[in-house]
Protein backbone atom coordinates (compact mmCIF):
# COMPACT_ATOMS: atom_id res chain seq x y z
CA UNK A 1 76.37 40.26 118.46
CA UNK A 2 79.80 39.84 120.11
CA UNK A 3 81.39 39.09 116.75
CA UNK A 4 79.77 42.19 115.28
CA UNK A 5 81.04 44.38 118.11
CA UNK A 6 84.52 42.95 117.76
CA UNK A 7 84.38 43.60 114.02
CA UNK A 8 83.31 47.22 114.58
CA UNK A 9 86.07 47.69 117.17
CA UNK A 10 88.56 46.21 114.74
CA UNK A 11 87.44 48.57 111.97
CA UNK A 12 87.52 51.61 114.27
CA UNK A 13 91.00 50.65 115.44
CA UNK A 14 92.19 50.26 111.87
CA UNK A 15 90.71 53.63 110.90
CA UNK A 16 92.34 55.28 113.89
CA UNK A 17 95.73 53.77 112.99
CA UNK A 18 95.21 54.90 109.37
CA UNK A 19 94.36 58.41 110.53
CA UNK A 20 97.49 58.54 112.68
CA UNK A 21 99.58 57.21 109.79
CA UNK A 22 98.09 59.79 107.43
CA UNK A 23 98.88 62.54 109.93
CA UNK A 24 102.45 61.31 110.29
CA UNK A 25 102.90 61.04 106.53
CA UNK A 26 101.51 64.54 106.02
CA UNK A 27 103.90 65.88 108.62
CA UNK A 28 106.80 64.05 107.00
CA UNK A 29 105.82 65.39 103.58
CA UNK A 30 105.84 68.96 104.90
CA UNK A 31 109.16 68.34 106.67
CA UNK A 32 110.76 66.85 103.57
CA UNK A 33 109.49 69.74 101.45
CA UNK A 34 110.87 72.26 103.96
CA UNK A 35 114.23 70.51 104.09
CA UNK A 36 114.36 70.29 100.30
CA UNK A 37 113.63 74.00 100.05
CA UNK A 38 116.30 74.81 102.62
CA UNK A 39 118.83 72.67 100.78
CA UNK A 40 117.86 74.15 97.42
CA UNK A 41 118.21 77.75 98.60
CA UNK A 42 121.57 79.06 97.45
CA UNK A 43 123.65 82.09 98.35
CA UNK A 44 122.34 85.10 96.47
CA UNK A 45 124.81 86.08 93.76
CA UNK A 46 125.60 89.10 91.63
CA UNK A 47 124.00 89.79 88.26
CA UNK A 48 124.55 92.48 85.60
CA UNK A 49 122.23 95.05 87.24
CA UNK A 50 122.23 98.74 86.32
CA UNK A 51 122.09 100.53 89.71
CA UNK A 52 120.31 103.44 88.04
CA UNK A 53 117.38 101.21 87.02
CA UNK A 54 116.09 99.81 90.33
CA UNK A 55 112.40 99.97 91.22
CA UNK A 56 109.97 98.46 93.73
CA UNK A 57 106.37 97.26 93.55
CA UNK A 58 103.98 95.67 96.00
CA UNK A 59 100.41 94.89 96.94
CA UNK A 60 98.72 95.61 100.28
CA UNK A 61 101.36 95.32 103.03
CA UNK A 62 103.81 94.95 100.15
CA UNK A 63 102.61 98.30 98.82
CA UNK A 64 103.32 99.94 102.18
CA UNK A 65 106.77 98.31 102.21
CA UNK A 66 107.48 99.33 98.61
CA UNK A 67 106.59 102.88 99.60
CA UNK A 68 108.89 102.68 102.64
CA UNK A 69 111.77 101.36 100.54
CA UNK A 70 111.46 104.10 97.95
CA UNK A 71 111.15 106.93 100.46
CA UNK A 72 114.01 105.58 102.59
CA UNK A 73 116.29 105.02 99.56
CA UNK A 74 115.02 107.70 97.21
CA UNK A 75 118.54 108.43 95.98
CA UNK A 76 118.75 104.97 94.43
CA UNK A 77 115.22 103.70 93.76
CA UNK A 78 113.80 105.40 90.70
CA UNK A 79 110.20 104.22 90.86
CA UNK A 80 107.56 102.49 92.92
CA UNK A 81 104.22 100.82 92.30
CA UNK A 82 101.75 100.73 95.18
CA UNK A 83 98.74 98.46 94.68
CA UNK A 84 95.99 98.62 97.34
CA UNK A 85 98.11 100.40 99.91
CA UNK A 86 101.04 102.70 100.42
CA UNK A 87 100.65 105.80 102.61
CA UNK A 88 104.09 106.40 104.13
CA UNK A 89 104.04 106.40 107.92
CA UNK A 90 100.33 105.70 108.04
CA UNK A 91 100.54 103.97 111.45
CA UNK A 92 103.02 106.48 112.91
CA UNK A 93 101.95 108.72 115.79
CA UNK A 94 105.22 110.55 116.35
CA UNK A 95 108.94 110.63 115.55
CA UNK A 96 110.99 109.86 118.67
CA UNK A 97 114.65 109.82 119.64
CA UNK A 98 115.08 106.14 118.78
CA UNK A 99 112.70 105.81 115.86
CA UNK A 100 108.96 106.22 115.61
CA UNK A 101 105.96 105.57 117.80
CA UNK A 102 103.57 103.47 115.71
CA UNK A 103 100.38 101.66 116.67
CA UNK A 104 98.89 98.45 115.31
CA UNK A 105 95.48 99.88 116.18
CA UNK A 106 96.17 102.82 113.86
CA UNK A 107 97.12 100.41 111.08
CA UNK A 108 94.01 98.23 111.30
CA UNK A 109 91.69 101.17 112.07
CA UNK A 110 92.20 104.48 110.26
CA UNK A 111 94.76 103.16 107.73
CA UNK A 112 92.62 100.26 106.52
CA UNK A 113 89.00 101.03 107.34
CA UNK A 114 88.43 104.56 108.68
CA UNK A 115 90.52 106.95 106.57
CA UNK A 116 88.63 110.07 107.69
CA UNK A 117 90.51 109.64 110.98
CA UNK A 118 93.88 109.95 109.22
CA UNK A 119 95.97 113.10 109.60
CA UNK A 120 96.26 115.79 106.97
CA UNK A 121 98.84 115.19 104.24
CA UNK A 122 100.93 118.02 105.71
CA UNK A 123 101.42 115.95 108.89
CA UNK A 124 102.85 112.99 106.94
CA UNK A 125 105.06 115.34 104.93
CA UNK A 126 106.37 116.86 108.16
CA UNK A 127 107.23 113.40 109.50
CA UNK A 128 109.12 112.57 106.30
CA UNK A 129 111.13 115.76 106.73
CA UNK A 130 111.87 114.95 110.39
CA UNK A 131 113.14 111.49 109.47
CA UNK A 132 115.30 112.98 106.71
CA UNK A 133 116.71 115.56 109.13
CA UNK A 134 117.89 112.66 111.31
CA UNK A 135 119.46 111.04 108.19
CA UNK A 136 117.29 107.98 108.74
CA UNK A 137 115.97 108.31 105.19
CA UNK A 138 117.39 109.94 102.05
CA UNK A 139 116.52 113.60 101.36
CA UNK A 140 112.96 113.65 100.00
CA UNK A 141 114.03 116.11 97.28
CA UNK A 142 115.23 113.00 95.40
CA UNK A 143 111.59 112.06 94.83
CA UNK A 144 111.21 114.86 92.28
CA UNK A 145 112.51 112.44 89.65
CA UNK A 146 110.54 109.41 90.85
CA UNK A 147 108.07 107.51 88.69
CA UNK A 148 105.07 106.30 90.67
CA UNK A 149 102.07 104.03 90.08
CA UNK A 150 99.10 103.76 92.44
CA UNK A 151 96.11 101.45 92.13
CA UNK A 152 92.94 100.93 94.14
CA UNK A 153 89.90 98.89 93.15
CA UNK A 154 86.29 99.86 93.72
CA UNK A 155 85.49 96.56 95.44
CA UNK A 156 88.45 96.57 97.83
CA UNK A 157 87.11 95.69 101.28
CA UNK A 158 90.52 95.49 102.98
CA UNK A 159 92.27 98.83 102.34
CA UNK A 160 89.99 101.81 101.82
CA UNK A 161 90.59 103.64 98.55
CA UNK A 162 90.90 106.96 100.39
CA UNK A 163 94.06 105.70 102.11
CA UNK A 164 95.60 104.96 98.71
CA UNK A 165 94.51 108.37 97.44
CA UNK A 166 96.17 110.03 100.44
CA UNK A 167 99.34 108.08 99.68
CA UNK A 168 99.31 109.59 96.21
CA UNK A 169 98.63 113.05 97.66
CA UNK A 170 101.72 112.72 99.86
CA UNK A 171 103.87 112.15 96.77
CA UNK A 172 102.32 115.31 95.30
CA UNK A 173 103.24 117.22 98.46
CA UNK A 174 106.79 115.86 98.38
CA UNK A 175 107.34 117.34 94.93
CA UNK A 176 106.76 114.46 92.53
CA UNK A 177 105.54 116.02 89.25
CA UNK A 178 101.99 115.11 88.31
CA UNK A 179 103.17 113.71 84.98
CA UNK A 180 105.31 111.19 86.88
CA UNK A 181 102.36 109.68 88.75
CA UNK A 182 99.88 107.18 87.33
CA UNK A 183 96.84 106.74 89.58
CA UNK A 184 94.45 103.99 88.54
CA UNK A 185 91.49 104.55 90.80
CA UNK A 186 87.90 103.35 90.71
CA UNK A 187 87.36 104.77 87.25
CA UNK A 188 90.19 102.87 85.62
CA UNK A 189 90.26 99.69 83.52
CA UNK A 190 89.90 97.47 86.58
CA UNK A 191 87.44 99.75 88.34
CA UNK A 192 85.64 97.03 90.29
CA UNK A 193 88.71 95.08 91.43
CA UNK A 194 88.80 93.67 94.92
CA UNK A 195 91.83 93.68 97.20
CA UNK A 196 94.27 92.06 94.81
CA UNK A 197 97.08 92.16 92.32
CA UNK A 198 95.12 92.27 89.08
CA UNK A 199 95.87 90.15 86.00
CA UNK A 200 94.54 89.53 82.51
CA UNK A 201 93.73 85.86 82.94
CA UNK A 202 94.59 84.40 86.34
CA UNK A 203 93.05 84.39 89.78
CA UNK A 204 89.66 84.87 91.40
CA UNK A 205 86.70 86.93 90.26
CA UNK A 206 87.58 90.57 89.61
CA UNK A 207 85.72 91.82 92.69
CA UNK A 208 87.04 89.10 95.05
CA UNK A 209 88.64 89.93 98.38
CA UNK A 210 89.94 86.45 99.14
CA UNK A 211 92.96 84.21 98.73
CA UNK A 212 95.10 84.22 96.65
CA UNK A 213 94.37 87.99 96.44
CA UNK A 214 95.13 87.81 92.73
CA UNK A 215 92.08 88.71 90.65
CA UNK A 216 91.31 88.18 86.98
CA UNK A 217 90.07 91.58 85.77
CA UNK A 218 91.25 91.30 82.15
CA UNK A 219 93.79 94.01 83.06
CA UNK A 220 97.55 93.61 82.79
CA UNK A 221 98.64 95.30 86.00
CA UNK A 222 102.20 94.04 85.67
CA UNK A 223 102.56 95.78 82.32
CA UNK A 224 100.83 98.92 83.57
CA UNK A 225 103.09 99.40 86.58
CA UNK A 226 106.27 98.56 84.67
CA UNK A 227 105.39 101.03 81.90
CA UNK A 228 104.59 103.72 84.46
CA UNK A 229 108.11 103.31 85.88
CA UNK A 230 110.24 102.37 82.87
CA UNK A 231 108.33 104.00 80.01
CA UNK A 232 105.66 103.15 77.50
CA UNK A 233 108.13 101.73 74.96
CA UNK A 234 108.63 98.41 76.74
CA UNK A 235 108.48 95.35 74.51
CA UNK A 236 105.34 93.15 74.72
CA UNK A 237 105.49 90.35 77.30
CA UNK A 238 106.60 86.83 76.49
CA UNK A 239 103.89 84.22 76.00
CA UNK A 240 105.62 82.13 78.65
CA UNK A 241 108.73 82.92 80.70
CA UNK A 242 111.95 81.28 79.54
CA UNK A 243 114.20 82.43 82.39
CA UNK A 244 114.83 80.65 85.67
CA UNK A 245 113.65 80.90 89.27
CA UNK A 246 116.41 81.01 91.87
CA UNK A 247 115.65 80.12 95.50
CA UNK A 248 118.07 81.98 97.75
CA UNK A 249 118.91 82.17 101.45
CA UNK A 250 117.44 85.24 103.19
CA UNK A 251 118.95 84.45 106.60
CA UNK A 252 122.31 86.06 105.87
CA UNK A 253 120.63 89.44 105.41
CA UNK A 254 119.06 89.50 108.90
CA UNK A 255 120.90 90.25 112.18
CA UNK A 256 121.68 86.97 113.91
CA UNK A 257 119.95 85.16 111.04
CA UNK A 258 116.75 85.70 113.05
CA UNK A 259 114.40 85.62 110.08
CA UNK A 260 111.32 84.23 111.84
CA UNK A 261 111.44 86.71 114.73
CA UNK A 262 111.59 89.58 112.24
CA UNK A 263 108.83 88.44 109.91
CA UNK A 264 110.96 86.95 107.15
CA UNK A 265 111.08 83.49 105.61
CA UNK A 266 114.40 81.69 105.33
CA UNK A 267 114.06 81.53 101.54
CA UNK A 268 113.41 84.24 98.94
CA UNK A 269 113.08 83.98 95.17
CA UNK A 270 114.60 85.61 92.12
CA UNK A 271 113.51 85.54 88.50
CA UNK A 272 116.40 85.77 86.04
CA UNK A 273 115.71 86.23 82.31
CA UNK A 274 118.18 84.55 79.97
CA UNK A 275 119.42 87.99 78.89
CA UNK A 276 120.41 88.80 82.48
CA UNK A 277 122.63 85.87 83.37
CA UNK A 278 126.13 86.69 84.66
CA UNK A 279 128.35 87.76 81.76
CA UNK A 280 125.51 89.35 79.79
CA UNK A 281 126.64 91.97 77.28
CA UNK A 282 124.17 94.62 78.50
CA UNK A 283 123.12 95.58 82.04
CA UNK A 284 119.61 94.74 83.21
CA UNK A 285 117.00 96.53 85.25
CA UNK A 286 115.90 95.28 88.66
CA UNK A 287 112.45 95.34 90.19
CA UNK A 288 111.71 94.23 93.75
CA UNK A 289 108.17 92.81 93.93
CA UNK A 290 106.57 92.40 97.34
CA UNK A 291 103.61 90.12 98.03
CA UNK A 292 100.85 91.08 100.44
CA UNK A 293 99.60 89.44 103.63
CA UNK A 294 98.78 85.74 103.23
CA UNK A 295 100.60 85.68 99.87
CA UNK A 296 104.08 84.45 100.75
CA UNK A 297 105.46 81.11 99.60
CA UNK A 298 104.49 79.53 102.93
CA UNK A 299 100.85 80.33 102.05
CA UNK A 300 100.69 80.09 98.25
CA UNK A 301 103.75 78.13 97.21
CA UNK A 302 105.02 79.53 93.90
CA UNK A 303 101.74 81.20 92.89
CA UNK A 304 102.65 84.81 93.62
CA UNK A 305 106.10 84.80 92.09
CA UNK A 306 105.00 82.94 88.95
CA UNK A 307 101.39 84.00 88.22
CA UNK A 308 101.08 87.79 88.51
CA UNK A 309 102.49 88.50 85.05
CA UNK A 310 105.71 90.32 85.96
CA UNK A 311 108.08 87.56 84.81
CA UNK A 312 106.62 87.62 81.28
CA UNK A 313 107.40 91.34 80.96
CA UNK A 314 110.77 90.84 82.61
CA UNK A 315 111.72 88.21 80.03
CA UNK A 316 111.43 90.53 77.04
CA UNK A 317 112.68 93.71 78.73
CA UNK A 318 115.77 92.44 80.58
CA UNK A 319 114.43 92.92 84.11
CA UNK A 320 115.63 90.78 87.00
CA UNK A 321 112.81 90.37 89.54
CA UNK A 322 113.51 89.99 93.25
CA UNK A 323 110.72 88.40 95.31
CA UNK A 324 111.63 88.67 99.01
CA UNK A 325 109.41 86.64 101.31
CA UNK A 326 107.71 87.62 104.57
CA UNK A 327 106.84 85.15 107.32
CA UNK A 328 103.85 84.78 109.66
CA UNK A 329 105.63 85.30 112.98
CA UNK A 330 104.00 83.54 115.93
CA UNK A 331 104.31 84.76 119.54
CA UNK A 332 106.65 81.87 120.39
CA UNK A 333 109.08 83.01 117.67
CA UNK A 334 109.50 86.44 119.24
CA UNK A 335 112.34 87.18 121.68
CA UNK A 336 111.36 86.43 125.29
CA UNK A 337 111.35 90.14 126.21
CA UNK A 338 108.40 90.64 123.83
CA UNK A 339 106.26 87.72 124.99
CA UNK A 340 104.21 89.84 127.41
CA UNK A 341 103.05 91.95 124.45
CA UNK A 342 103.10 89.16 121.89
CA UNK A 343 99.67 89.98 120.48
CA UNK A 344 100.99 93.41 119.50
CA UNK A 345 104.38 92.34 118.16
CA UNK A 346 103.50 89.11 116.32
CA UNK A 347 102.70 88.98 112.61
CA UNK A 348 100.11 86.19 112.23
CA UNK A 349 99.18 86.89 108.60
CA UNK A 350 102.66 87.11 107.10
CA UNK A 351 102.51 90.83 106.30
CA UNK A 352 105.42 93.15 105.62
CA UNK A 353 106.27 95.43 108.52
CA UNK A 354 104.43 98.71 108.13
CA UNK A 355 103.33 99.25 111.75
CA UNK A 356 106.39 98.29 113.81
CA UNK A 357 105.82 94.66 114.72
CA UNK A 358 108.69 92.75 116.38
CA UNK A 359 109.30 96.07 118.21
CA UNK A 360 111.16 97.50 115.20
CA UNK A 361 110.98 101.23 115.83
CA UNK A 362 112.89 102.02 112.65
CA UNK A 363 110.77 99.79 110.41
CA UNK A 364 110.11 102.48 107.77
CA UNK A 365 113.66 103.90 107.63
CA UNK A 366 117.04 102.79 106.31
CA UNK A 367 117.62 101.19 109.73
CA UNK A 368 114.52 98.97 109.72
CA UNK A 369 115.30 95.25 109.82
CA UNK A 370 113.28 94.36 106.73
CA UNK A 371 114.31 97.50 104.81
CA UNK A 372 117.96 96.73 105.58
CA UNK A 373 117.55 93.09 104.53
CA UNK A 374 115.96 93.95 101.19
CA UNK A 375 118.49 96.71 100.55
CA UNK A 376 121.35 94.29 101.18
CA UNK A 377 119.76 91.88 98.69
CA UNK A 378 119.68 94.68 96.11
CA UNK A 379 123.32 95.54 96.78
CA UNK A 380 124.33 91.89 96.46
CA UNK A 381 122.58 91.62 93.11
CA UNK A 382 124.37 94.75 91.94
CA UNK A 383 127.71 93.23 92.93
CA UNK A 384 128.34 95.68 95.76
């Protein structure tokens, strides 16, 4: 019996040491991967970008951020695609002297789930005009030339379709011609899509509302949104991308290099078609593509910036694609003065800032930390 007990104790001890070793090795693997990524990230360079051909696209929180970027910089961004989100200022309660008063409770309540509690479109239009009067955003009259794509799926259980419809209605109210807006709602080719970027042949079931929030609905959303912005005469997509992915340093675009505290990863990604390398004979277009919550590289690795179908279209149509990356900010990463309200100001799901987290009261204007960072990336790519 004693020998048996000693044997069992020996086995348990060995298993415990193995478990600890496995844990250490896993930690080391993650550390090595993080260090390798940091070392691989290079300084973002200039490419032959036509400044008159810049657009934005995004899903979920990325749709709200794409909307914010276009409205803030409407003089320079010619089009925007909002997938499963995108009502400008949805979480805003009022325009104040130093920015806006926005509530996380408004974002997760009326904006996502209870749209009948949202304000009339005229209220959002009035707020846009107030922000423009303060020169915090470009004059909204610029939007008259904008090309816009909206999408909402009939099985979306995260962002109510009525919120997306109200986002489209705001563009109507701001003077965007009806012919310039494509609205794929619940009667479209991916009518039963869940909360997702939709593809022809990658991702979960079409009606899924789960990670990776990329659903296979036999619908080429990348092509649809790019055609809505750049025209129906785009060339067919490549069978497989032949360009290159560039990992670049995002820290230099954030005040004090405080990426984590402001909901940004240290590393972003860029897709460069062969036709758009420095020295190219012809200028290229640029599209900024923004992932949604729980879709950044720290959650999905390279899945979002390689599997949604945009790079294939970019390859054949000379479009450089910028994939900035958000970060899931924990309370401990916030400045000490925000710790008492950390539950309000943290960003646990790695979303883009569309409700004022990190106490950014200018988050939806040209002064917002993330808007400024992405705009500086665009300017760098343009060689400015």
